[in-house]
């Protein structure tokens, strides 16, 4: 008899690098031993979350796999006419980066001078068209098999806003993926929202309510640690973004570590405070060298490369850690925060 275990998934944002998460999810679905209880997603992680949930509600695990593939194929097709592409030399050399792309640098330069309200006054966003063509949000709203938590940042208050599956709309997902220098803020009930990565990338606190299971697997895209001091303007900006987009996650992991430590020391009653088992699925050895510009590369060859990398990474993680799910964390949070105090 197959041993099934429940788990919550926390999916980071990261542009095209979200295809790595697609691969992780595809392998988990194919393996079939993990039952996903809830998903928290931000930006590209939110896109993966809604594709997973919609496909699963329609046709189970295979439906989720098909819907994820459909979404990423549609993303790639929509970008075929984009000037933000690799140069022929980079294609020939096998470089996935867009660092030499004139389209990428033109967009980057213009976004530093003009706002999206000036560059795109009609507020056109092809990503929304892709999302709505692939995802039936009425299916998500009426499904109870998987809970969704989609994070966005309230522009006015600077606080995280978490939208749940029963009221979820395409605008809420677009809010979660709204980079403020590229797109106009998404208005929901008169409130402007930007990318959720600033305040919840992804949010973990929704998992700690109700009867949700105690195991959380974070699919990590953005590197927490990067050795060396950045020296060029692009390297500096990229590292600032990595730190900013990881800060909320690190704060939540630190809080979980603090509560766990107090439980272990007998200072908190475990009947009133729940021990969270934290797992991280990541492959920074392969993702880190790709560079920030490659997050804008939506070529199908690159997306499937990332998907395959995610599948391989998930397979290794399952082999090494599946037995510990439901029993203990497979990440040493104490070691992670050893030099930062409580």
Protein backbone atom coordinates (compact mmCIF):
# COMPACT_ATOMS: atom_id res chain seq x y z
CA UNK A 1 0.00 0.00 0.00
CA UNK A 2 1.35 3.44 -1.01
CA UNK A 3 2.15 5.72 1.90
CA UNK A 4 0.43 9.10 1.30
CA UNK A 5 1.32 12.22 3.26
CA UNK A 6 -0.10 15.73 3.33
CA UNK A 7 1.97 18.82 2.66
CA UNK A 8 1.59 22.56 2.11
CA UNK A 9 3.47 24.17 -0.77
CA UNK A 10 4.94 27.68 -0.68
CA UNK A 11 5.88 28.91 -4.16
CA UNK A 12 8.22 31.86 -4.68
CA UNK A 13 8.03 34.35 -7.51
CA UNK A 14 10.83 34.71 -10.03
CA UNK A 15 9.54 35.45 -13.53
CA UNK A 16 10.47 32.82 -16.10
CA UNK A 17 12.36 30.94 -13.37
CA UNK A 18 8.90 29.92 -12.19
CA UNK A 19 9.21 27.18 -14.81
CA UNK A 20 11.59 25.50 -12.35
CA UNK A 21 8.65 25.36 -9.93
CA UNK A 22 6.51 23.93 -12.73
CA UNK A 23 8.97 21.05 -12.94
CA UNK A 24 8.94 20.53 -9.17
CA UNK A 25 5.14 20.41 -9.13
CA UNK A 26 5.01 18.11 -12.15
CA UNK A 27 7.31 15.58 -10.47
CA UNK A 28 5.39 15.73 -7.18
CA UNK A 29 2.15 15.10 -9.07
CA UNK A 30 3.69 12.28 -11.08
CA UNK A 31 5.09 10.66 -7.93
CA UNK A 32 1.67 10.75 -6.32
CA UNK A 33 2.65 10.15 -2.70
CA UNK A 34 2.25 13.75 -1.48
CA UNK A 35 -1.25 15.11 -1.07
CA UNK A 36 -1.22 18.90 -1.40
CA UNK A 37 -3.39 20.46 1.29
CA UNK A 38 -2.80 24.16 0.51
CA UNK A 39 -0.62 26.35 -1.70
CA UNK A 40 0.70 29.82 -0.97
CA UNK A 41 2.06 31.58 -4.03
CA UNK A 42 3.44 34.93 -5.10
CA UNK A 43 3.95 36.34 -8.61
CA UNK A 44 5.11 33.43 -10.82
CA UNK A 45 4.40 31.21 -7.82
CA UNK A 46 0.81 32.47 -7.86
CA UNK A 47 0.54 31.60 -11.56
CA UNK A 48 1.74 28.07 -10.85
CA UNK A 49 -0.62 27.81 -7.88
CA UNK A 50 -3.76 28.72 -9.83
CA UNK A 51 -2.81 26.46 -12.76
CA UNK A 52 -2.23 23.59 -10.32
CA UNK A 53 -5.50 24.18 -8.47
CA UNK A 54 -7.64 24.68 -11.57
CA UNK A 55 -6.28 21.61 -13.32
CA UNK A 56 -6.57 19.47 -10.19
CA UNK A 57 -10.18 20.53 -9.64
CA UNK A 58 -11.04 19.63 -13.24
CA UNK A 59 -9.21 16.31 -13.63
CA UNK A 60 -7.08 15.40 -10.63
CA UNK A 61 -3.30 15.07 -10.71
CA UNK A 62 -3.10 14.57 -14.48
CA UNK A 63 -5.34 17.59 -14.98
CA UNK A 64 -2.96 19.70 -12.87
CA UNK A 65 0.03 18.50 -14.90
CA UNK A 66 -1.76 19.28 -18.16
CA UNK A 67 -2.87 22.72 -16.99
CA UNK A 68 0.64 23.69 -15.87
CA UNK A 69 2.04 22.65 -19.25
CA UNK A 70 -0.73 24.54 -21.06
CA UNK A 71 -0.06 27.71 -19.08
CA UNK A 72 3.71 27.75 -19.64
CA UNK A 73 3.32 26.94 -23.33
CA UNK A 74 0.88 29.86 -23.66
CA UNK A 75 3.36 32.11 -21.84
CA UNK A 76 6.08 31.20 -24.29
CA UNK A 77 3.82 31.64 -27.32
CA UNK A 78 2.77 35.11 -26.14
CA UNK A 79 6.43 36.18 -25.91
CA UNK A 80 7.45 35.03 -29.39
CA UNK A 81 7.12 38.51 -30.89
CA UNK A 82 8.83 40.25 -27.98
CA UNK A 83 12.08 42.13 -28.69
CA UNK A 84 13.36 40.95 -25.30
CA UNK A 85 15.22 37.94 -26.63
CA UNK A 86 18.68 36.40 -26.64
CA UNK A 87 21.17 37.51 -29.25
CA UNK A 88 22.14 35.00 -31.97
CA UNK A 89 25.58 34.74 -30.35
CA UNK A 90 24.06 33.83 -26.97
CA UNK A 91 21.83 31.25 -28.65
CA UNK A 92 24.86 29.76 -30.41
CA UNK A 93 26.90 29.70 -27.18
CA UNK A 94 24.03 28.27 -25.12
CA UNK A 95 23.74 31.29 -22.79
CA UNK A 96 20.25 31.75 -21.33
CA UNK A 97 20.94 35.27 -20.07
CA UNK A 98 19.52 38.42 -21.73
CA UNK A 99 22.46 40.57 -20.63
CA UNK A 100 23.39 41.25 -24.27
CA UNK A 101 19.82 41.76 -25.50
CA UNK A 102 19.19 45.29 -26.83
CA UNK A 103 15.47 44.84 -26.13
CA UNK A 104 16.14 43.98 -22.49
CA UNK A 105 18.47 46.94 -21.97
CA UNK A 106 16.10 49.33 -23.77
CA UNK A 107 13.24 48.26 -21.51
CA UNK A 108 15.43 48.51 -18.42
CA UNK A 109 16.64 52.00 -19.33
CA UNK A 110 13.16 53.30 -20.14
CA UNK A 111 11.71 51.91 -16.90
CA UNK A 112 14.28 53.96 -14.95
CA UNK A 113 13.18 57.20 -16.64
CA UNK A 114 9.49 56.73 -17.40
CA UNK A 115 6.76 55.17 -15.26
CA UNK A 116 4.34 52.52 -16.60
CA UNK A 117 1.65 55.22 -16.49
CA UNK A 118 3.64 57.12 -19.13
CA UNK A 119 4.89 54.17 -21.19
CA UNK A 120 1.67 52.16 -21.09
CA UNK A 121 -1.23 54.59 -20.50
CA UNK A 122 -3.79 52.04 -21.75
CA UNK A 123 -2.46 49.57 -19.15
CA UNK A 124 -2.20 46.66 -21.59
CA UNK A 125 -0.83 43.45 -20.10
CA UNK A 126 -0.55 40.36 -22.32
CA UNK A 127 0.13 38.23 -19.24
CA UNK A 128 -3.45 38.79 -18.07
CA UNK A 129 -4.75 37.58 -21.44
CA UNK A 130 -2.66 34.41 -21.11
CA UNK A 131 -3.87 33.82 -17.57
CA UNK A 132 -7.55 34.26 -18.41
CA UNK A 133 -7.29 32.09 -21.52
CA UNK A 134 -5.89 29.18 -19.49
CA UNK A 135 -7.55 29.44 -16.08
CA UNK A 136 -11.24 29.16 -15.24
CA UNK A 137 -11.41 31.04 -11.96
CA UNK A 138 -14.97 29.91 -11.27
CA UNK A 139 -13.60 26.37 -10.96
CA UNK A 140 -11.04 27.52 -8.38
CA UNK A 141 -13.63 29.51 -6.42
CA UNK A 142 -15.91 26.49 -6.03
CA UNK A 143 -13.24 23.85 -5.40
CA UNK A 144 -12.46 22.69 -1.87
CA UNK A 145 -9.74 20.12 -2.58
CA UNK A 146 -6.82 22.59 -2.40
CA UNK A 147 -6.75 25.89 -0.51
CA UNK A 148 -4.99 28.81 -2.21
CA UNK A 149 -3.33 31.84 -0.63
CA UNK A 150 -2.14 34.49 -3.10
CA UNK A 151 -0.04 37.38 -1.76
CA UNK A 152 0.12 40.98 -2.99
CA UNK A 153 1.51 44.19 -1.47
CA UNK A 154 -0.86 47.00 -0.51
CA UNK A 155 0.75 50.10 -2.07
CA UNK A 156 -0.79 52.49 0.46
CA UNK A 157 -0.06 50.62 3.69
CA UNK A 158 2.96 48.54 2.67
CA UNK A 159 1.31 45.48 4.23
CA UNK A 160 0.79 42.07 2.70
CA UNK A 161 -2.68 41.16 1.46
CA UNK A 162 -3.53 37.48 1.11
CA UNK A 163 -6.37 36.53 -1.23
CA UNK A 164 -7.96 33.11 -0.78
CA UNK A 165 -9.29 30.72 -3.38
CA UNK A 166 -13.02 31.27 -2.74
CA UNK A 167 -12.89 34.90 -3.88
CA UNK A 168 -9.90 34.69 -6.21
CA UNK A 169 -9.98 36.55 -9.54
CA UNK A 170 -7.48 37.09 -12.33
CA UNK A 171 -6.93 40.67 -11.10
CA UNK A 172 -5.81 39.35 -7.71
CA UNK A 173 -3.25 37.08 -9.35
CA UNK A 174 -2.09 39.94 -11.56
CA UNK A 175 -1.72 42.09 -8.45
CA UNK A 176 0.56 39.43 -7.00
CA UNK A 177 2.76 39.69 -10.11
CA UNK A 178 2.69 43.48 -10.59
CA UNK A 179 6.25 44.80 -10.83
CA UNK A 180 5.83 48.53 -10.11
CA UNK A 181 8.37 49.75 -12.67
CA UNK A 182 6.80 47.65 -15.44
CA UNK A 183 3.03 47.68 -14.80
CA UNK A 184 0.51 50.06 -13.30
CA UNK A 185 -0.68 49.10 -9.82
CA UNK A 186 -3.64 46.71 -9.93
CA UNK A 187 -6.77 48.19 -8.37
CA UNK A 188 -8.96 45.81 -6.35
CA UNK A 189 -11.96 47.34 -4.58
CA UNK A 190 -10.31 50.74 -4.93
CA UNK A 191 -7.02 49.63 -3.34
CA UNK A 192 -3.77 49.62 -5.38
CA UNK A 193 -1.52 46.56 -5.18
CA UNK A 194 2.01 45.73 -6.31
CA UNK A 195 3.98 42.48 -6.50
CA UNK A 196 3.56 40.29 -3.42
CA UNK A 197 7.29 39.56 -3.36
CA UNK A 198 7.96 42.70 -1.33
CA UNK A 199 5.97 41.55 1.71
CA UNK A 200 5.23 37.84 1.22
CA UNK A 201 7.41 35.76 -1.08
CA UNK A 202 5.59 33.56 -0.32
CA UNK A 203 3.49 34.06 2.81
CA UNK A 204 3.67 31.17 5.29
CA UNK A 205 1.39 32.47 8.06
CA UNK A 206 -1.89 31.39 6.34
CA UNK A 207 -0.79 27.77 6.80
CA UNK A 208 -0.86 28.16 10.56
CA UNK A 209 -4.60 28.69 10.76
CA UNK A 210 -7.41 26.16 10.90
CA UNK A 211 -6.70 22.48 10.47
CA UNK A 212 -3.94 22.82 7.86
CA UNK A 213 -1.17 20.24 8.03
CA UNK A 214 2.10 21.13 9.77
CA UNK A 215 4.51 20.40 6.89
CA UNK A 216 5.52 23.27 4.59
CA UNK A 217 7.70 22.78 1.51
CA UNK A 218 9.12 26.04 0.14
CA UNK A 219 10.08 25.93 -3.53
CA UNK A 220 13.01 28.36 -3.43
CA UNK A 221 13.94 30.29 -6.57
CA UNK A 222 15.71 33.43 -5.34
CA UNK A 223 19.08 32.74 -3.69
CA UNK A 224 19.24 33.69 -0.02
CA UNK A 225 23.02 33.75 0.06
CA UNK A 226 25.37 34.93 -2.71
CA UNK A 227 29.10 35.02 -2.01
CA UNK A 228 31.17 38.07 -2.91
CA UNK A 229 30.46 41.77 -3.20
CA UNK A 230 28.60 42.95 -6.31
CA UNK A 231 30.54 45.65 -8.15
CA UNK A 232 28.63 46.59 -11.32
CA UNK A 233 25.37 48.57 -11.27
CA UNK A 234 23.41 45.56 -12.55
CA UNK A 235 24.98 43.19 -10.01
CA UNK A 236 24.20 45.63 -7.19
CA UNK A 237 20.59 46.11 -8.28
CA UNK A 238 20.10 42.37 -8.74
CA UNK A 239 21.42 41.61 -5.26
CA UNK A 240 19.23 44.33 -3.72
CA UNK A 241 16.20 42.71 -5.36
CA UNK A 242 17.20 39.24 -4.13
CA UNK A 243 17.56 40.50 -0.56
CA UNK A 244 14.27 42.42 -0.72
CA UNK A 245 12.34 39.50 -2.21
CA UNK A 246 13.67 37.06 0.42
CA UNK A 247 13.31 39.28 3.48
CA UNK A 248 9.68 38.44 4.30
CA UNK A 249 10.31 34.70 3.94
CA UNK A 250 13.36 34.86 6.20
CA UNK A 251 11.36 36.73 8.86
CA UNK A 252 8.67 34.06 8.86
CA UNK A 253 11.20 31.22 8.97
CA UNK A 254 12.97 32.96 11.84
CA UNK A 255 9.67 33.23 13.75
CA UNK A 256 8.96 29.53 13.17
CA UNK A 257 12.46 28.70 14.41
CA UNK A 258 11.92 30.83 17.54
CA UNK A 259 8.61 29.10 18.40
CA UNK A 260 10.12 25.67 17.77
CA UNK A 261 13.03 26.46 20.05
CA UNK A 262 10.70 27.56 22.85
CA UNK A 263 8.67 24.35 22.46
CA UNK A 264 11.86 22.27 22.63
CA UNK A 265 12.94 24.14 25.79
CA UNK A 266 9.56 23.51 27.43
CA UNK A 267 8.70 27.21 27.54
CA UNK A 268 5.65 26.82 25.32
CA UNK A 269 2.91 24.24 25.64
CA UNK A 270 2.86 22.11 22.47
CA UNK A 271 -0.87 21.59 22.92
CA UNK A 272 -1.35 25.32 22.28
CA UNK A 273 1.51 25.94 19.82
CA UNK A 274 2.10 23.80 16.78
CA UNK A 275 5.51 22.59 15.66
CA UNK A 276 6.01 23.37 11.94
CA UNK A 277 8.07 21.02 9.78
CA UNK A 278 9.95 23.09 7.19
CA UNK A 279 11.34 21.73 3.94
CA UNK A 280 13.06 23.63 1.11
CA UNK A 281 13.24 22.40 -2.48
CA UNK A 282 15.93 24.37 -4.31
CA UNK A 283 18.84 24.08 -6.70
CA UNK A 284 20.86 27.26 -6.38
CA UNK A 285 23.91 25.60 -7.93
CA UNK A 286 22.06 25.63 -11.26
CA UNK A 287 19.76 28.66 -10.86
CA UNK A 288 22.17 31.20 -9.39
CA UNK A 289 24.50 31.43 -12.42
CA UNK A 290 21.59 32.16 -14.76
CA UNK A 291 21.40 35.80 -13.70
CA UNK A 292 18.45 38.11 -13.11
CA UNK A 293 17.93 39.02 -16.77
CA UNK A 294 17.09 35.40 -17.62
CA UNK A 295 13.91 35.80 -15.55
CA UNK A 296 12.58 37.67 -18.60
CA UNK A 297 13.51 34.88 -21.03
CA UNK A 298 10.29 33.10 -22.01
CA UNK A 299 11.72 31.00 -24.85
CA UNK A 300 10.25 27.51 -24.82
CA UNK A 301 13.68 25.89 -24.86
CA UNK A 302 14.61 27.78 -21.68
CA UNK A 303 11.30 27.09 -19.94
CA UNK A 304 11.54 23.36 -20.62
CA UNK A 305 15.18 23.39 -19.49
CA UNK A 306 14.04 24.88 -16.17
CA UNK A 307 11.12 22.44 -15.98
CA UNK A 308 13.46 19.48 -16.41
CA UNK A 309 15.81 20.93 -13.80
CA UNK A 310 12.87 21.28 -11.40
CA UNK A 311 11.78 17.69 -12.01
CA UNK A 312 15.29 16.36 -11.34
CA UNK A 313 15.58 18.48 -8.18
CA UNK A 314 12.20 17.31 -6.88
CA UNK A 315 13.12 13.70 -7.57
CA UNK A 316 16.31 14.03 -5.49
CA UNK A 317 14.40 15.79 -2.74
CA UNK A 318 11.77 13.04 -2.61
CA UNK A 319 14.41 10.33 -2.46
CA UNK A 320 16.29 12.05 0.36
CA UNK A 321 13.46 13.56 2.42
CA UNK A 322 10.11 11.87 1.82
CA UNK A 323 10.49 9.63 4.87
CA UNK A 324 10.82 12.71 7.10
CA UNK A 325 7.65 14.44 5.89
CA UNK A 326 5.13 14.47 8.73
CA UNK A 327 7.86 13.73 11.29
CA UNK A 328 10.50 16.47 11.29
CA UNK A 329 11.95 19.41 9.41
CA UNK A 330 14.54 18.66 6.75
CA UNK A 331 15.96 22.20 7.05
CA UNK A 332 18.12 23.16 10.02
CA UNK A 333 16.59 26.53 10.86
CA UNK A 334 18.72 26.86 13.99
CA UNK A 335 21.87 26.74 11.90
CA UNK A 336 20.38 29.17 9.39
CA UNK A 337 19.74 31.80 12.08
CA UNK A 338 22.55 30.92 14.46
CA UNK A 339 24.32 34.29 14.09
CA UNK A 340 21.20 36.50 14.05
CA UNK A 341 19.88 36.14 17.59
CA UNK A 342 16.32 35.06 18.48
